[in-house]
Protein backbone atom coordinates (compact mmCIF):
# COMPACT_ATOMS: atom_id res chain seq x y z
CA MET A 1 -88.86 -85.24 32.01
CA ARG A 2 -88.04 -82.24 34.99
CA LYS A 3 -84.88 -80.47 34.55
CA TYR A 4 -83.40 -81.23 38.02
CA PRO A 5 -82.79 -84.23 38.92
CA ASN A 6 -82.66 -86.28 36.62
CA PRO A 7 -80.96 -88.87 35.13
CA MET A 8 -79.19 -86.76 32.00
CA ASN A 9 -76.86 -84.86 34.95
CA PRO A 10 -76.82 -86.91 37.92
CA SER A 11 -74.57 -84.07 39.03
CA VAL A 12 -77.32 -82.17 40.54
CA LEU A 13 -78.06 -83.73 43.97
CA GLY A 14 -81.34 -81.08 45.32
CA VAL A 15 -83.02 -78.65 44.73
CA ASP A 16 -84.62 -76.01 47.11
CA VAL A 17 -87.29 -73.69 46.01
CA LEU A 18 -86.79 -70.32 47.40
CA GLN A 19 -89.37 -68.15 46.34
CA ARG A 20 -91.91 -68.69 43.14
CA ARG A 21 -94.48 -65.79 42.46
CA VAL A 22 -96.61 -64.48 39.47
CA ASP A 23 -96.17 -61.12 38.50
CA GLY A 24 -99.03 -58.61 37.63
CA ARG A 25 -98.44 -59.49 33.60
CA GLY A 26 -98.67 -63.10 34.87
CA ARG A 27 -95.46 -64.18 34.31
CA LEU A 28 -94.21 -67.01 37.57
CA HIS A 29 -90.77 -66.15 38.88
CA SER A 30 -89.05 -68.61 41.03
CA LEU A 31 -85.66 -68.70 43.02
CA ARG A 32 -84.56 -72.09 43.65
CA LEU A 33 -81.12 -73.45 45.27
CA LEU A 34 -79.06 -76.06 43.33
CA SER A 35 -76.67 -78.73 44.32
CA THR A 36 -74.51 -80.22 43.19
CA GLU A 37 -71.53 -81.97 43.25
CA TRP A 38 -68.97 -82.14 40.07
CA GLY A 39 -66.52 -85.19 39.38
CA LEU A 40 -63.02 -82.61 38.82
CA PRO A 41 -59.70 -84.51 37.41
CA GLY A 42 -57.00 -85.10 39.32
CA LEU A 43 -54.76 -82.43 38.80
CA VAL A 44 -57.25 -80.20 39.02
CA ARG A 45 -58.59 -81.39 42.88
CA ALA A 46 -55.19 -80.53 43.62
CA ILE A 47 -54.79 -76.90 42.03
CA LEU A 48 -57.75 -76.49 43.78
CA GLY A 49 -57.00 -77.90 47.13
CA THR A 50 -59.65 -79.67 47.93
CA SER A 51 -61.39 -83.23 47.35
CA ARG A 52 -65.01 -81.53 47.81
CA THR A 53 -66.85 -80.40 44.99
CA LEU A 54 -70.03 -79.65 46.10
CA THR A 55 -71.42 -76.55 45.19
CA TYR A 56 -74.30 -74.18 44.93
CA ILE A 57 -76.28 -72.59 42.99
CA ARG A 58 -78.64 -69.60 42.83
CA GLU A 59 -80.77 -70.10 40.10
CA HIS A 60 -83.36 -67.20 39.03
CA SER A 61 -86.31 -68.45 35.84
CA VAL A 62 -89.01 -66.71 34.49
CA VAL A 63 -92.09 -68.68 32.55
CA ASP A 64 -93.94 -66.47 30.41
CA PRO A 65 -97.17 -67.77 29.23
CA VAL A 66 -98.44 -64.90 26.82
CA GLU A 67 -94.65 -64.91 24.72
CA LYS A 68 -94.71 -68.74 25.56
CA LYS A 69 -90.67 -68.16 26.75
CA MET A 70 -88.76 -69.58 29.59
CA GLU A 71 -85.59 -67.50 30.86
CA LEU A 72 -83.18 -69.50 33.04
CA CYS A 73 -80.20 -67.50 34.60
CA SER A 74 -77.91 -69.21 37.09
CA THR A 75 -74.57 -68.70 38.89
CA ASN A 76 -72.12 -70.91 40.90
CA ILE A 77 -72.30 -68.63 45.31
CA THR A 78 -69.96 -71.28 46.24
CA LEU A 79 -65.65 -71.78 44.92
CA THR A 80 -66.43 -68.00 44.50
CA ASN A 81 -63.41 -66.69 45.14
CA LEU A 82 -61.53 -69.68 42.32
CA VAL A 83 -64.27 -69.90 39.71
CA SER A 84 -67.27 -67.81 38.29
CA VAL A 85 -69.64 -69.17 36.57
CA ASN A 86 -72.97 -67.37 34.78
CA GLU A 87 -75.38 -69.14 32.24
CA ARG A 88 -78.31 -67.94 30.89
CA LEU A 89 -80.54 -70.54 28.53
CA VAL A 90 -83.80 -68.83 27.21
CA TYR A 91 -86.56 -71.28 25.70
CA THR A 92 -88.91 -70.23 23.15
CA PRO A 93 -91.14 -71.92 20.27
CA HIS A 94 -89.37 -72.90 16.53
CA PRO A 95 -90.01 -69.59 14.34
CA GLU A 96 -91.78 -72.68 12.23
CA ASN A 97 -92.83 -75.49 13.97
CA PRO A 98 -94.34 -75.32 16.88
CA GLU A 99 -93.56 -78.93 17.75
CA MET A 100 -90.42 -77.95 18.33
CA THR A 101 -88.18 -75.53 21.09
CA VAL A 102 -85.57 -73.66 20.43
CA LEU A 103 -82.22 -73.58 23.42
CA THR A 104 -80.43 -70.11 23.13
CA GLN A 105 -77.32 -70.76 25.80
CA GLU A 106 -74.39 -67.95 27.24
CA ALA A 107 -72.15 -68.48 29.75
CA SER A 108 -69.44 -66.86 30.75
CA ILE A 109 -66.73 -68.45 32.98
CA THR A 110 -63.83 -67.34 35.16
CA VAL A 111 -61.66 -68.96 36.33
CA LYS A 112 -59.38 -66.94 39.16
CA GLY A 113 -55.96 -67.05 39.94
CA ILE A 114 -55.19 -70.12 38.61
CA SER A 115 -52.32 -70.58 35.85
CA LEU A 116 -54.13 -73.45 33.99
CA GLY A 117 -57.25 -71.12 33.91
CA SER A 118 -57.94 -71.12 30.73
CA TYR A 119 -57.85 -74.78 30.62
CA LEU A 120 -60.26 -75.46 33.50
CA GLU A 121 -62.01 -72.37 31.40
CA SER A 122 -62.28 -74.68 28.05
CA LEU A 123 -62.92 -77.89 30.95
CA MET A 124 -66.01 -76.37 32.11
CA ALA A 125 -67.54 -74.86 29.11
CA ASN A 126 -67.88 -78.12 27.46
CA THR A 127 -69.23 -79.58 30.19
CA ILE A 128 -71.84 -76.81 30.42
CA SER A 129 -72.62 -77.40 26.41
CA SER A 130 -72.92 -81.29 26.67
CA ASN A 131 -75.20 -80.57 29.40
CA ALA A 132 -77.59 -78.67 27.84
CA LYS A 133 -78.13 -81.39 24.50
């Protein structure tokens, strides 16, 4: 199954590859633009003052065939005056079972200028976490 778009995460509407290259160490670097549409609760839409949740995300990935490792870093490039989301995913082989993959996920979420910031940060963190499963 492809990472995006896929039926398990319908919020990703489209993916455009902006740049792709192989470096001197044989690692594949890709820069992609993701178009996403997020369903927000009515209260959150009222607080943000927008009914549109179309957002764009910049994703940089590095696939290292020697290390058998893939790293993806993504950040939102829209609604940055309201929220900043930075996510890092690292896929590596399981140290004891080569048939399995270990996913390490880190995300930082900062909601700006809203008194319910911690509520919104928690809501977004739960969404990111459930999307990784």
